[in-house]
Amino acid sequence: MGTWRIGTDALARSRFAVSALAETVSALKSLNTGIVVPGQRDWLATHAPGYRERIAADPFARALVRAAFRPRWVADFLTSPPAGPEETFADELARVRATPPEAARAELDGGPAAPLPAELAVPDLPDRAAELLGWIWTRTVEPDWSRRRRILEADIVSRTQQLSSGGWASTLDGMRPGMRWLGDGRLQVNNYDLPAKDLAGAQLLFIPSTNHRGWLGSAGSDRHSIVYPCTGILADPADRQPPRALSRLLGPVRAGILTLLDSPKSPTQLVALTGYGYGSVGGHLQVLLDAQLVRRRRSGRSVLYFRTAAGDLLVGAQHRDADPSGLPRQSPPIH
């Protein structure tokens, strides 16, 4: 199994981060394989035809995708972890372009079993790889980035709260397939037969993404990342959209918050998921509390809100009684 040795110093320096480049690579992998979490199926149906057309017209891009995303492996130069929280997609893409061409070619050369394709033996390989990533970002990710970012940030809030209440073992176990905390400073990162890696003195980043499995990344020996599948709302957003009747009854913001509280969430998570201000979310939560549709409890330093039985009944009834358009079903005639 693949194991990383992570001392207390590395854990102290580790942090959660959002990466636009990681989300772009996730989109590229999903478009290439056709495998997405349920909540991304409409996105895939919208963008897959354009991607197939783009790839069909570009032999370099076809060869790059085959070589960079081999089974159990992703090219590091395409997935370099962000250097800081303020990095933009342009900053991350600049690091891809700055990769020495010979280093990129060496990464993509899989040896006798998978030699470097002739299409990739070009002097401007990093520039052309960055061009493909830029196309994926502009066409398929950037238009939806504000929503995606809120969801990824909400996942980070949830993980951080879990860390404060349960420690690293509860936070890391099951973060991605094959990953679990072994104790004694050892983290199993996958089930593959790989040499153990010592992260002493390095920085470790945990990056949520919409990919169904995630991957491991590195930037030299001093910065490593674990890209993991985002949980929660991305799994099935259709179930979390408030029906129109509920929105008319409570107001769209309040109905949306009540719908999201199928599992306990903090006000900070709700701010990240909805995009509304902290004061606005807090005011709506107070109204829902007064109406006894939600309750709250303390978890560590956080206050978590969750639906009461009455709140569950109200949301459940609306979902059961709405047709796919969101309009109430007509009652059968009485004879």
C-alpha atoms as a PDB file:
ATOM      1  CA  MET A   1       0.000   0.000   0.000  1.00  0.00           C
ATOM      2  CA  GLY A   2       1.106   3.600  -0.584  1.00  0.00           C
ATOM      3  CA  THR A   3       2.042   5.196   2.727  1.00  0.00           C
ATOM      4  CA  TRP A   4       3.156   8.709   3.594  1.00  0.00           C
ATOM      5  CA  ARG A   5       4.968   9.394   6.858  1.00  0.00           C
ATOM      6  CA  ILE A   6       3.683  12.681   8.204  1.00  0.00           C
ATOM      7  CA  GLY A   7       5.209  14.080  11.375  1.00  0.00           C
ATOM      8  CA  THR A   8       3.588  16.577  13.713  1.00  0.00           C
ATOM      9  CA  ASP A   9       5.445  19.414  11.983  1.00  0.00           C
ATOM     10  CA  ALA A  10       3.978  18.500   8.586  1.00  0.00           C
ATOM     11  CA  LEU A  11       0.495  18.183  10.067  1.00  0.00           C
ATOM     12  CA  ALA A  12       0.867  21.581  11.735  1.00  0.00           C
ATOM     13  CA  ARG A  13       1.689  23.146   8.366  1.00  0.00           C
ATOM     14  CA  SER A  14      -0.979  21.297   6.425  1.00  0.00           C
ATOM     15  CA  ARG A  15      -4.150  23.098   5.355  1.00  0.00           C
ATOM     16  CA  PHE A  16      -7.234  22.792   3.203  1.00  0.00           C
ATOM     17  CA  ALA A  17      -7.288  24.779  -0.033  1.00  0.00           C
ATOM     18  CA  VAL A  18      -9.400  25.417  -3.124  1.00  0.00           C
ATOM     19  CA  SER A  19      -7.598  25.079  -6.444  1.00  0.00           C
ATOM     20  CA  ALA A  20      -9.082  26.209  -9.742  1.00  0.00           C
ATOM     21  CA  LEU A  21      -6.419  24.148 -11.545  1.00  0.00           C
ATOM     22  CA  ALA A  22      -7.410  20.996  -9.644  1.00  0.00           C
ATOM     23  CA  GLU A  23     -11.056  21.588 -10.551  1.00  0.00           C
ATOM     24  CA  THR A  24     -10.066  22.084 -14.198  1.00  0.00           C
ATOM     25  CA  VAL A  25      -8.059  18.841 -14.232  1.00  0.00           C
ATOM     26  CA  SER A  26     -11.039  17.157 -12.571  1.00  0.00           C
ATOM     27  CA  ALA A  27     -13.277  18.432 -15.383  1.00  0.00           C
ATOM     28  CA  LEU A  28     -10.822  17.216 -18.030  1.00  0.00           C
ATOM     29  CA  LYS A  29     -10.663  13.746 -16.458  1.00  0.00           C
ATOM     30  CA  SER A  30     -14.457  13.567 -16.242  1.00  0.00           C
ATOM     31  CA  LEU A  31     -14.934  14.689 -19.841  1.00  0.00           C
ATOM     32  CA  ASN A  32     -12.368  12.146 -20.988  1.00  0.00           C
ATOM     33  CA  THR A  33     -13.766   9.157 -19.074  1.00  0.00           C
ATOM     34  CA  GLY A  34     -17.433  10.104 -19.000  1.00  0.00           C
ATOM     35  CA  ILE A  35     -17.483   9.231 -15.277  1.00  0.00           C
ATOM     36  CA  VAL A  36     -19.000  11.847 -12.966  1.00  0.00           C
ATOM     37  CA  VAL A  37     -20.796  12.004  -9.639  1.00  0.00           C
ATOM     38  CA  PRO A  38     -24.602  12.062 -10.084  1.00  0.00           C
ATOM     39  CA  GLY A  39     -24.827  15.823  -9.593  1.00  0.00           C
ATOM     40  CA  GLN A  40     -22.559  16.457 -12.601  1.00  0.00           C
ATOM     41  CA  ARG A  41     -24.481  14.484 -15.217  1.00  0.00           C
ATOM     42  CA  ASP A  42     -26.201  17.522 -16.719  1.00  0.00           C
ATOM     43  CA  TRP A  43     -22.853  19.306 -16.871  1.00  0.00           C
ATOM     44  CA  LEU A  44     -21.307  16.312 -18.670  1.00  0.00           C
ATOM     45  CA  ALA A  45     -24.164  16.104 -21.157  1.00  0.00           C
ATOM     46  CA  THR A  46     -23.766  19.815 -21.931  1.00  0.00           C
ATOM     47  CA  HIS A  47     -19.999  19.888 -22.417  1.00  0.00           C
ATOM     48  CA  ALA A  48     -19.021  16.386 -23.620  1.00  0.00           C
ATOM     49  CA  PRO A  49     -19.904  17.023 -27.313  1.00  0.00           C
ATOM     50  CA  GLY A  50     -17.724  20.150 -27.473  1.00  0.00           C
ATOM     51  CA  TYR A  51     -14.865  18.343 -25.741  1.00  0.00           C
ATOM     52  CA  ARG A  52     -15.035  15.401 -28.141  1.00  0.00           C
ATOM     53  CA  GLU A  53     -14.964  17.790 -31.084  1.00  0.00           C
ATOM     54  CA  ARG A  54     -11.973  19.653 -29.617  1.00  0.00           C
ATOM     55  CA  ILE A  55     -10.018  16.444 -28.960  1.00  0.00           C
ATOM     56  CA  ALA A  56     -10.843  14.925 -32.349  1.00  0.00           C
ATOM     57  CA  ALA A  57      -9.345  17.953 -34.104  1.00  0.00           C
ATOM     58  CA  ASP A  58      -6.105  17.991 -32.042  1.00  0.00           C
ATOM     59  CA  PRO A  59      -3.747  14.960 -32.156  1.00  0.00           C
ATOM     60  CA  PHE A  60      -1.518  16.591 -29.515  1.00  0.00           C
ATOM     61  CA  ALA A  61      -4.410  16.915 -27.043  1.00  0.00           C
ATOM     62  CA  ARG A  62      -5.482  13.299 -27.619  1.00  0.00           C
ATOM     63  CA  ALA A  63      -1.947  12.043 -26.967  1.00  0.00           C
ATOM     64  CA  LEU A  64      -1.538  14.292 -23.922  1.00  0.00           C
ATOM     65  CA  VAL A  65      -4.704  13.053 -22.235  1.00  0.00           C
ATOM     66  CA  ARG A  66      -3.741   9.410 -22.824  1.00  0.00           C
ATOM     67  CA  ALA A  67      -0.226   9.912 -21.457  1.00  0.00           C
ATOM     68  CA  ALA A  68      -1.079  12.234 -18.547  1.00  0.00           C
ATOM     69  CA  PHE A  69      -3.975  10.229 -17.118  1.00  0.00           C
ATOM     70  CA  ARG A  70      -2.770   6.658 -17.029  1.00  0.00           C
ATOM     71  CA  PRO A  71      -4.377   4.131 -14.660  1.00  0.00           C
ATOM     72  CA  ARG A  72      -3.416   4.917 -11.046  1.00  0.00           C
ATOM     73  CA  TRP A  73      -1.313   7.912 -12.087  1.00  0.00           C
ATOM     74  CA  VAL A  74      -1.645  11.585 -13.020  1.00  0.00           C
ATOM     75  CA  ALA A  75       1.182  13.763 -14.376  1.00  0.00           C
ATOM     76  CA  ASP A  76       2.517  16.019 -11.610  1.00  0.00           C
ATOM     77  CA  PHE A  77       3.257  19.007 -13.824  1.00  0.00           C
ATOM     78  CA  LEU A  78      -0.456  19.302 -14.651  1.00  0.00           C
ATOM     79  CA  THR A  79      -1.570  19.032 -11.018  1.00  0.00           C
ATOM     80  CA  SER A  80       0.956  21.134  -9.112  1.00  0.00           C
ATOM     81  CA  PRO A  81      -0.533  22.227  -5.732  1.00  0.00           C
ATOM     82  CA  PRO A  82      -1.159  25.960  -5.273  1.00  0.00           C
ATOM     83  CA  ALA A  83       1.634  27.901  -3.597  1.00  0.00           C
ATOM     84  CA  GLY A  84      -0.705  30.167  -1.630  1.00  0.00           C
ATOM     85  CA  PRO A  85      -4.381  30.902  -0.900  1.00  0.00           C
ATOM     86  CA  GLU A  86      -4.460  33.948  -3.176  1.00  0.00           C
ATOM     87  CA  GLU A  87      -3.412  32.132  -6.340  1.00  0.00           C
ATOM     88  CA  THR A  88      -5.725  32.532  -9.313  1.00  0.00           C
ATOM     89  CA  PHE A  89      -6.222  30.086 -12.150  1.00  0.00           C
ATOM     90  CA  ALA A  90      -3.883  32.255 -14.236  1.00  0.00           C
ATOM     91  CA  ASP A  91      -1.190  31.891 -11.550  1.00  0.00           C
ATOM     92  CA  GLU A  92      -1.599  28.126 -11.454  1.00  0.00           C
ATOM     93  CA  LEU A  93      -1.586  27.880 -15.248  1.00  0.00           C
ATOM     94  CA  ALA A  94       1.631  29.924 -15.348  1.00  0.00           C
ATOM     95  CA  ARG A  95       3.321  27.191 -13.285  1.00  0.00           C
ATOM     96  CA  VAL A  96       2.278  24.616 -15.870  1.00  0.00           C
ATOM     97  CA  ARG A  97       3.757  26.775 -18.638  1.00  0.00           C
ATOM     98  CA  ALA A  98       6.972  27.226 -16.625  1.00  0.00           C
ATOM     99  CA  THR A  99       7.639  23.466 -16.532  1.00  0.00           C
ATOM    100  CA  PRO A 100      10.881  22.688 -18.401  1.00  0.00           C
ATOM    101  CA  PRO A 101       9.849  20.837 -21.592  1.00  0.00           C
ATOM    102  CA  GLU A 102      12.328  18.028 -20.950  1.00  0.00           C
ATOM    103  CA  ALA A 103      10.882  17.494 -17.458  1.00  0.00           C
ATOM    104  CA  ALA A 104       7.330  17.315 -18.846  1.00  0.00           C
ATOM    105  CA  ARG A 105       8.383  14.840 -21.529  1.00  0.00           C
ATOM    106  CA  ALA A 106      10.191  12.690 -18.942  1.00  0.00           C
ATOM    107  CA  GLU A 107       7.031  12.543 -16.795  1.00  0.00           C
ATOM    108  CA  LEU A 108       4.866  11.502 -19.731  1.00  0.00           C
ATOM    109  CA  ASP A 109       7.283   8.825 -20.936  1.00  0.00           C
ATOM    110  CA  GLY A 110       5.941   5.603 -19.468  1.00  0.00           C
ATOM    111  CA  GLY A 111       8.904   3.462 -20.505  1.00  0.00           C
ATOM    112  CA  PRO A 112       8.774   0.403 -22.796  1.00  0.00           C
ATOM    113  CA  ALA A 113       5.141  -0.298 -21.936  1.00  0.00           C
ATOM    114  CA  ALA A 114       3.993   3.249 -22.702  1.00  0.00           C
ATOM    115  CA  PRO A 115       6.665   5.218 -24.555  1.00  0.00           C
ATOM    116  CA  LEU A 116       6.277   8.942 -25.167  1.00  0.00           C
ATOM    117  CA  PRO A 117       3.919   9.427 -28.150  1.00  0.00           C
ATOM    118  CA  ALA A 118       5.485  11.147 -31.146  1.00  0.00           C
ATOM    119  CA  GLU A 119       2.855  13.923 -30.913  1.00  0.00           C
ATOM    120  CA  LEU A 120       4.303  14.947 -27.541  1.00  0.00           C
ATOM    121  CA  ALA A 121       7.948  15.168 -28.640  1.00  0.00           C
ATOM    122  CA  VAL A 122       7.617  18.918 -29.172  1.00  0.00           C
ATOM    123  CA  PRO A 123       9.598  21.795 -27.639  1.00  0.00           C
ATOM    124  CA  ASP A 124       6.496  23.705 -26.509  1.00  0.00           C
ATOM    125  CA  LEU A 125       4.776  20.807 -24.731  1.00  0.00           C
ATOM    126  CA  PRO A 126       4.015  22.716 -21.456  1.00  0.00           C
ATOM    127  CA  ASP A 127       2.587  25.685 -23.384  1.00  0.00           C
ATOM    128  CA  ARG A 128       0.296  23.475 -25.433  1.00  0.00           C
ATOM    129  CA  ALA A 129      -0.779  21.520 -22.337  1.00  0.00           C
ATOM    130  CA  ALA A 130      -1.623  24.814 -20.632  1.00  0.00           C
ATOM    131  CA  GLU A 131      -3.605  25.839 -23.714  1.00  0.00           C
ATOM    132  CA  LEU A 132      -5.787  22.725 -23.397  1.00  0.00           C
ATOM    133  CA  LEU A 133      -6.323  23.329 -19.665  1.00  0.00           C
ATOM    134  CA  GLY A 134      -7.208  26.944 -20.407  1.00  0.00           C
ATOM    135  CA  TRP A 135      -9.799  25.808 -22.943  1.00  0.00           C
ATOM    136  CA  ILE A 136     -11.342  23.401 -20.409  1.00  0.00           C
ATOM    137  CA  TRP A 137     -11.442  26.147 -17.766  1.00  0.00           C
ATOM    138  CA  THR A 138     -12.966  28.811 -20.014  1.00  0.00           C
ATOM    139  CA  ARG A 139     -15.563  26.572 -21.658  1.00  0.00           C
ATOM    140  CA  THR A 140     -16.625  24.188 -18.875  1.00  0.00           C
ATOM    141  CA  VAL A 141     -15.549  25.370 -15.403  1.00  0.00           C
ATOM    142  CA  GLU A 142     -15.331  29.159 -15.231  1.00  0.00           C
ATOM    143  CA  PRO A 143     -19.025  29.800 -16.091  1.00  0.00           C
ATOM    144  CA  ASP A 144     -19.984  27.771 -13.002  1.00  0.00           C
ATOM    145  CA  TRP A 145     -16.974  28.635 -10.841  1.00  0.00           C
ATOM    146  CA  SER A 146     -18.701  30.814  -8.237  1.00  0.00           C
ATOM    147  CA  ARG A 147     -21.164  28.016  -7.404  1.00  0.00           C
ATOM    148  CA  ARG A 148     -18.481  25.336  -7.448  1.00  0.00           C
ATOM    149  CA  ARG A 149     -16.197  27.400  -5.243  1.00  0.00           C
ATOM    150  CA  ARG A 150     -18.945  27.903  -2.650  1.00  0.00           C
ATOM    151  CA  ILE A 151     -19.560  24.155  -2.541  1.00  0.00           C
ATOM    152  CA  LEU A 152     -15.864  23.322  -2.251  1.00  0.00           C
ATOM    153  CA  GLU A 153     -15.455  25.904   0.509  1.00  0.00           C
ATOM    154  CA  ALA A 154     -18.444  24.446   2.353  1.00  0.00           C
ATOM    155  CA  ASP A 155     -16.782  21.030   2.225  1.00  0.00           C
ATOM    156  CA  ILE A 156     -13.624  22.560   3.706  1.00  0.00           C
ATOM    157  CA  VAL A 157     -15.646  24.130   6.528  1.00  0.00           C
ATOM    158  CA  SER A 158     -17.197  20.743   7.280  1.00  0.00           C
ATOM    159  CA  ARG A 159     -13.805  18.983   7.281  1.00  0.00           C
ATOM    160  CA  THR A 160     -12.280  21.671   9.487  1.00  0.00           C
ATOM    161  CA  GLN A 161     -15.083  21.282  12.004  1.00  0.00           C
ATOM    162  CA  GLN A 162     -14.578  17.522  11.940  1.00  0.00           C
ATOM    163  CA  LEU A 163     -10.869  18.066  12.551  1.00  0.00           C
ATOM    164  CA  SER A 164     -11.511  20.278  15.576  1.00  0.00           C
ATOM    165  CA  SER A 165     -13.917  17.777  17.134  1.00  0.00           C
ATOM    166  CA  GLY A 166     -12.438  14.405  16.147  1.00  0.00           C
ATOM    167  CA  GLY A 167      -8.795  14.986  15.214  1.00  0.00           C
ATOM    168  CA  TRP A 168      -6.858  13.951  12.145  1.00  0.00           C
ATOM    169  CA  ALA A 169      -7.811  10.273  12.278  1.00  0.00           C
ATOM    170  CA  SER A 170     -11.548  10.949  11.894  1.00  0.00           C
ATOM    171  CA  THR A 171     -10.918  13.622   9.254  1.00  0.00           C
ATOM    172  CA  LEU A 172      -8.581  11.630   7.021  1.00  0.00           C
ATOM    173  CA  ASP A 173     -10.207   8.196   7.206  1.00  0.00           C
ATOM    174  CA  GLY A 174     -12.187   7.657   4.038  1.00  0.00           C
ATOM    175  CA  MET A 175     -11.412  11.089   2.603  1.00  0.00           C
ATOM    176  CA  ARG A 176     -10.694   9.339  -0.695  1.00  0.00           C
ATOM    177  CA  PRO A 177     -10.845   5.651  -1.760  1.00  0.00           C
ATOM    178  CA  GLY A 178      -8.157   3.594  -0.050  1.00  0.00           C
ATOM    179  CA  MET A 179      -7.106   6.346   2.350  1.00  0.00           C
ATOM    180  CA  ARG A 180      -6.947   5.965   6.134  1.00  0.00           C
ATOM    181  CA  TRP A 181      -4.894   7.076   9.110  1.00  0.00           C
ATOM    182  CA  LEU A 182      -2.690   4.216  10.399  1.00  0.00           C
ATOM    183  CA  GLY A 183      -1.377   5.990  13.466  1.00  0.00           C
ATOM    184  CA  ASP A 184       2.217   6.678  14.478  1.00  0.00           C
ATOM    185  CA  GLY A 185       2.483   9.422  11.858  1.00  0.00           C
ATOM    186  CA  ARG A 186       1.562   7.117   8.949  1.00  0.00           C
ATOM    187  CA  LEU A 187      -1.119   7.913   6.388  1.00  0.00           C
ATOM    188  CA  GLN A 188      -2.210   5.277   3.875  1.00  0.00           C
ATOM    189  CA  VAL A 189      -2.950   7.311   0.736  1.00  0.00           C
ATOM    190  CA  ASN A 190      -3.985   4.422  -1.529  1.00  0.00           C
ATOM    191  CA  ASN A 191      -3.955   0.632  -1.865  1.00  0.00           C
ATOM    192  CA  TYR A 192      -1.148   0.512  -4.418  1.00  0.00           C
ATOM    193  CA  ASP A 193       2.156  -1.247  -3.805  1.00  0.00           C
ATOM    194  CA  LEU A 194       4.402   1.820  -3.670  1.00  0.00           C
ATOM    195  CA  PRO A 195       7.465   2.811  -1.628  1.00  0.00           C
ATOM    196  CA  ALA A 196       6.718   4.798   1.515  1.00  0.00           C
ATOM    197  CA  LYS A 197       7.270   8.570   1.224  1.00  0.00           C
ATOM    198  CA  ASP A 198       8.576  10.765   4.046  1.00  0.00           C
ATOM    199  CA  LEU A 199       7.014  14.244   4.110  1.00  0.00           C
ATOM    200  CA  ALA A 200       9.309  15.608   6.827  1.00  0.00           C
ATOM    201  CA  GLY A 201       9.651  19.376   6.378  1.00  0.00           C
ATOM    202  CA  ALA A 202       7.101  19.467   3.549  1.00  0.00           C
ATOM    203  CA  GLN A 203       3.754  21.224   3.265  1.00  0.00           C
ATOM    204  CA  LEU A 204       0.651  19.107   2.710  1.00  0.00           C
ATOM    205  CA  LEU A 205      -2.532  20.468   1.123  1.00  0.00           C
ATOM    206  CA  PHE A 206      -5.975  18.841   1.115  1.00  0.00           C
ATOM    207  CA  ILE A 207      -7.940  19.980  -1.947  1.00  0.00           C
ATOM    208  CA  PRO A 208     -11.614  19.099  -2.570  1.00  0.00           C
ATOM    209  CA  SER A 209     -12.751  18.516  -6.151  1.00  0.00           C
ATOM    210  CA  THR A 210     -15.736  17.212  -8.093  1.00  0.00           C
ATOM    211  CA  ASN A 211     -13.767  14.196  -9.347  1.00  0.00           C
ATOM    212  CA  HIS A 212     -15.174  10.892  -8.118  1.00  0.00           C
ATOM    213  CA  ARG A 213     -11.782   9.596  -6.891  1.00  0.00           C
ATOM    214  CA  GLY A 214      -9.202  12.386  -6.683  1.00  0.00           C
ATOM    215  CA  TRP A 215      -5.431  11.997  -6.986  1.00  0.00           C
ATOM    216  CA  LEU A 216      -2.081  12.814  -5.372  1.00  0.00           C
ATOM    217  CA  GLY A 217       0.045  15.747  -6.505  1.00  0.00           C
ATOM    218  CA  SER A 218       3.410  17.281  -5.742  1.00  0.00           C
ATOM    219  CA  ALA A 219       5.549  20.277  -6.541  1.00  0.00           C
ATOM    220  CA  GLY A 220       9.061  19.023  -5.922  1.00  0.00           C
ATOM    221  CA  SER A 221       9.798  17.577  -2.499  1.00  0.00           C
ATOM    222  CA  ASP A 222       8.498  20.438  -0.350  1.00  0.00           C
ATOM    223  CA  ARG A 223       4.797  20.678  -1.351  1.00  0.00           C
ATOM    224  CA  HIS A 224       2.358  17.799  -1.740  1.00  0.00           C
ATOM    225  CA  SER A 225      -1.394  17.580  -2.173  1.00  0.00           C
ATOM    226  CA  ILE A 226      -4.221  15.115  -1.729  1.00  0.00           C
ATOM    227  CA  VAL A 227      -7.118  15.939  -4.049  1.00  0.00           C
ATOM    228  CA  TYR A 228     -10.230  14.246  -2.698  1.00  0.00           C
ATOM    229  CA  PRO A 229     -13.891  13.939  -3.794  1.00  0.00           C
ATOM    230  CA  CYS A 230     -16.089  16.699  -2.419  1.00  0.00           C
ATOM    231  CA  THR A 231     -18.998  15.366  -0.389  1.00  0.00           C
ATOM    232  CA  GLY A 232     -22.454  16.729   0.216  1.00  0.00           C
ATOM    233  CA  ILE A 233     -24.427  18.880  -2.190  1.00  0.00           C
ATOM    234  CA  LEU A 234     -22.560  17.795  -5.332  1.00  0.00           C
ATOM    235  CA  ALA A 235     -23.724  14.242  -4.773  1.00  0.00           C
ATOM    236  CA  ASP A 236     -27.288  15.013  -5.812  1.00  0.00           C
ATOM    237  CA  PRO A 237     -28.205  18.707  -6.006  1.00  0.00           C
ATOM    238  CA  ALA A 238     -31.644  17.958  -7.445  1.00  0.00           C
ATOM    239  CA  ASP A 239     -32.730  16.638  -4.049  1.00  0.00           C
ATOM    240  CA  ARG A 240     -31.642  19.895  -2.408  1.00  0.00           C
ATOM    241  CA  GLN A 241     -33.454  22.361  -4.616  1.00  0.00           C
ATOM    242  CA  PRO A 242     -36.501  23.646  -2.742  1.00  0.00           C
ATOM    243  CA  PRO A 243     -39.799  23.009  -4.536  1.00  0.00           C
ATOM    244  CA  ARG A 244     -41.516  26.131  -5.857  1.00  0.00           C
ATOM    245  CA  ALA A 245     -44.442  25.728  -3.471  1.00  0.00           C
ATOM    246  CA  LEU A 246     -42.076  25.677  -0.480  1.00  0.00           C
ATOM    247  CA  SER A 247     -40.312  28.773  -1.815  1.00  0.00           C
ATOM    248  CA  ARG A 248     -43.633  30.567  -2.108  1.00  0.00           C
ATOM    249  CA  LEU A 249     -44.552  29.558   1.440  1.00  0.00           C
ATOM    250  CA  LEU A 250     -41.292  30.447   3.199  1.00  0.00           C
ATOM    251  CA  GLY A 251     -39.489  32.630   0.664  1.00  0.00           C
ATOM    252  CA  PRO A 252     -36.759  31.270  -1.638  1.00  0.00           C
ATOM    253  CA  VAL A 253     -33.802  31.910   0.693  1.00  0.00           C
ATOM    254  CA  ARG A 254     -35.457  30.446   3.780  1.00  0.00           C
ATOM    255  CA  ALA A 255     -36.766  27.461   1.799  1.00  0.00           C
ATOM    256  CA  GLY A 256     -33.294  26.850   0.385  1.00  0.00           C
ATOM    257  CA  ILE A 257     -31.714  26.921   3.847  1.00  0.00           C
ATOM    258  CA  LEU A 258     -34.311  24.541   5.239  1.00  0.00           C
ATOM    259  CA  THR A 259     -33.746  22.159   2.335  1.00  0.00           C
ATOM    260  CA  LEU A 260     -29.967  22.189   2.928  1.00  0.00           C
ATOM    261  CA  LEU A 261     -30.396  21.272   6.595  1.00  0.00           C
ATOM    262  CA  ASP A 262     -31.070  17.588   5.924  1.00  0.00           C
ATOM    263  CA  SER A 263     -27.769  17.126   7.764  1.00  0.00           C
ATOM    264  CA  PRO A 264     -26.394  19.442  10.502  1.00  0.00           C
ATOM    265  CA  LYS A 265     -24.593  22.510   9.173  1.00  0.00           C
ATOM    266  CA  SER A 266     -23.065  25.604  10.696  1.00  0.00           C
ATOM    267  CA  PRO A 267     -23.989  29.136   9.603  1.00  0.00           C
ATOM    268  CA  THR A 268     -20.547  29.371   7.956  1.00  0.00           C
ATOM    269  CA  GLN A 269     -21.274  26.311   5.842  1.00  0.00           C
ATOM    270  CA  LEU A 270     -24.656  27.719   4.839  1.00  0.00           C
ATOM    271  CA  VAL A 271     -23.025  31.013   3.853  1.00  0.00           C
ATOM    272  CA  ALA A 272     -20.566  29.094   1.653  1.00  0.00           C
ATOM    273  CA  LEU A 273     -23.286  26.957   0.080  1.00  0.00           C
ATOM    274  CA  THR A 274     -25.811  29.711  -0.574  1.00  0.00           C
ATOM    275  CA  GLY A 275     -23.598  32.717  -1.262  1.00  0.00           C
ATOM    276  CA  TYR A 276     -25.693  34.900   1.076  1.00  0.00           C
ATOM    277  CA  GLY A 277     -24.161  37.066   3.807  1.00  0.00           C
ATOM    278  CA  TYR A 278     -23.643  35.815   7.335  1.00  0.00           C
ATOM    279  CA  GLY A 279     -26.203  38.254   8.765  1.00  0.00           C
ATOM    280  CA  SER A 280     -28.829  37.242   6.221  1.00  0.00           C
ATOM    281  CA  VAL A 281     -28.328  33.525   6.888  1.00  0.00           C
ATOM    282  CA  GLY A 282     -28.423  34.119  10.635  1.00  0.00           C
ATOM    283  CA  GLY A 283     -31.688  36.048  10.374  1.00  0.00           C
ATOM    284  CA  HIS A 284     -33.364  33.317   8.356  1.00  0.00           C
ATOM    285  CA  LEU A 285     -32.132  30.651  10.775  1.00  0.00           C
ATOM    286  CA  GLN A 286     -33.680  32.587  13.660  1.00  0.00           C
ATOM    287  CA  VAL A 287     -37.057  32.652  11.883  1.00  0.00           C
ATOM    288  CA  LEU A 288     -36.838  28.903  11.242  1.00  0.00           C
ATOM    289  CA  LEU A 289     -35.915  28.373  14.908  1.00  0.00           C
ATOM    290  CA  ASP A 290     -38.882  30.435  16.055  1.00  0.00           C
ATOM    291  CA  ALA A 291     -41.146  28.374  13.797  1.00  0.00           C
ATOM    292  CA  GLN A 292     -39.663  25.170  15.316  1.00  0.00           C
ATOM    293  CA  LEU A 293     -38.643  23.923  11.877  1.00  0.00           C
ATOM    294  CA  VAL A 294     -34.968  23.712  12.918  1.00  0.00           C
ATOM    295  CA  ARG A 295     -32.993  23.226  16.109  1.00  0.00           C
ATOM    296  CA  ARG A 296     -29.379  23.895  17.002  1.00  0.00           C
ATOM    297  CA  ARG A 297     -26.698  22.238  19.088  1.00  0.00           C
ATOM    298  CA  ARG A 298     -23.091  22.976  19.908  1.00  0.00           C
ATOM    299  CA  SER A 299     -20.289  20.834  18.444  1.00  0.00           C
ATOM    300  CA  GLY A 300     -16.906  21.925  19.747  1.00  0.00           C
ATOM    301  CA  ARG A 301     -16.616  25.608  18.940  1.00  0.00           C
ATOM    302  CA  SER A 302     -19.321  25.494  16.288  1.00  0.00           C
ATOM    303  CA  VAL A 303     -23.105  25.728  16.447  1.00  0.00           C
ATOM    304  CA  LEU A 304     -24.838  23.315  14.086  1.00  0.00           C
ATOM    305  CA  TYR A 305     -28.417  23.699  12.808  1.00  0.00           C
ATOM    306  CA  PHE A 306     -30.595  20.781  11.730  1.00  0.00           C
ATOM    307  CA  ARG A 307     -34.200  20.198  10.765  1.00  0.00           C
ATOM    308  CA  THR A 308     -36.777  19.119  13.317  1.00  0.00           C
ATOM    309  CA  ALA A 309     -39.344  16.416  12.579  1.00  0.00           C
ATOM    310  CA  ALA A 310     -41.716  19.208  11.535  1.00  0.00           C
ATOM    311  CA  GLY A 311     -39.091  20.605   9.160  1.00  0.00           C
ATOM    312  CA  ASP A 312     -38.471  17.154   7.680  1.00  0.00           C
ATOM    313  CA  LEU A 313     -42.205  16.645   7.252  1.00  0.00           C
ATOM    314  CA  LEU A 314     -42.656  19.994   5.513  1.00  0.00           C
ATOM    315  CA  VAL A 315     -39.775  19.495   3.059  1.00  0.00           C
ATOM    316  CA  GLY A 316     -40.643  15.841   2.475  1.00  0.00           C
ATOM    317  CA  ALA A 317     -44.287  16.608   1.782  1.00  0.00           C
ATOM    318  CA  GLN A 318     -43.348  19.283  -0.741  1.00  0.00           C
ATOM    319  CA  HIS A 319     -41.007  16.908  -2.593  1.00  0.00           C
ATOM    320  CA  ARG A 320     -43.596  14.119  -2.625  1.00  0.00           C
ATOM    321  CA  ASP A 321     -46.386  16.365  -3.815  1.00  0.00           C
ATOM    322  CA  ALA A 322     -44.456  18.137  -6.582  1.00  0.00           C
ATOM    323  CA  ASP A 323     -44.173  16.961 -10.148  1.00  0.00           C
ATOM    324  CA  PRO A 324     -40.845  17.232 -12.037  1.00  0.00           C
ATOM    325  CA  SER A 325     -41.613  20.850 -12.954  1.00  0.00           C
ATOM    326  CA  GLY A 326     -41.800  21.777  -9.269  1.00  0.00           C
ATOM    327  CA  LEU A 327     -45.554  22.490  -9.444  1.00  0.00           C
ATOM    328  CA  PRO A 328     -47.954  20.769  -7.052  1.00  0.00           C
ATOM    329  CA  ARG A 329     -49.599  17.637  -8.402  1.00  0.00           C
ATOM    330  CA  GLN A 330     -53.288  17.908  -9.059  1.00  0.00           C
ATOM    331  CA  SER A 331     -55.464  15.922  -6.697  1.00  0.00           C
ATOM    332  CA  PRO A 332     -57.625  13.307  -8.389  1.00  0.00           C
ATOM    333  CA  PRO A 333     -61.236  14.346  -8.923  1.00  0.00           C
ATOM    334  CA  ILE A 334     -63.761  13.332  -6.287  1.00  0.00           C
ATOM    335  CA  HIS A 335     -66.758  11.482  -7.673  1.00  0.00           C
END
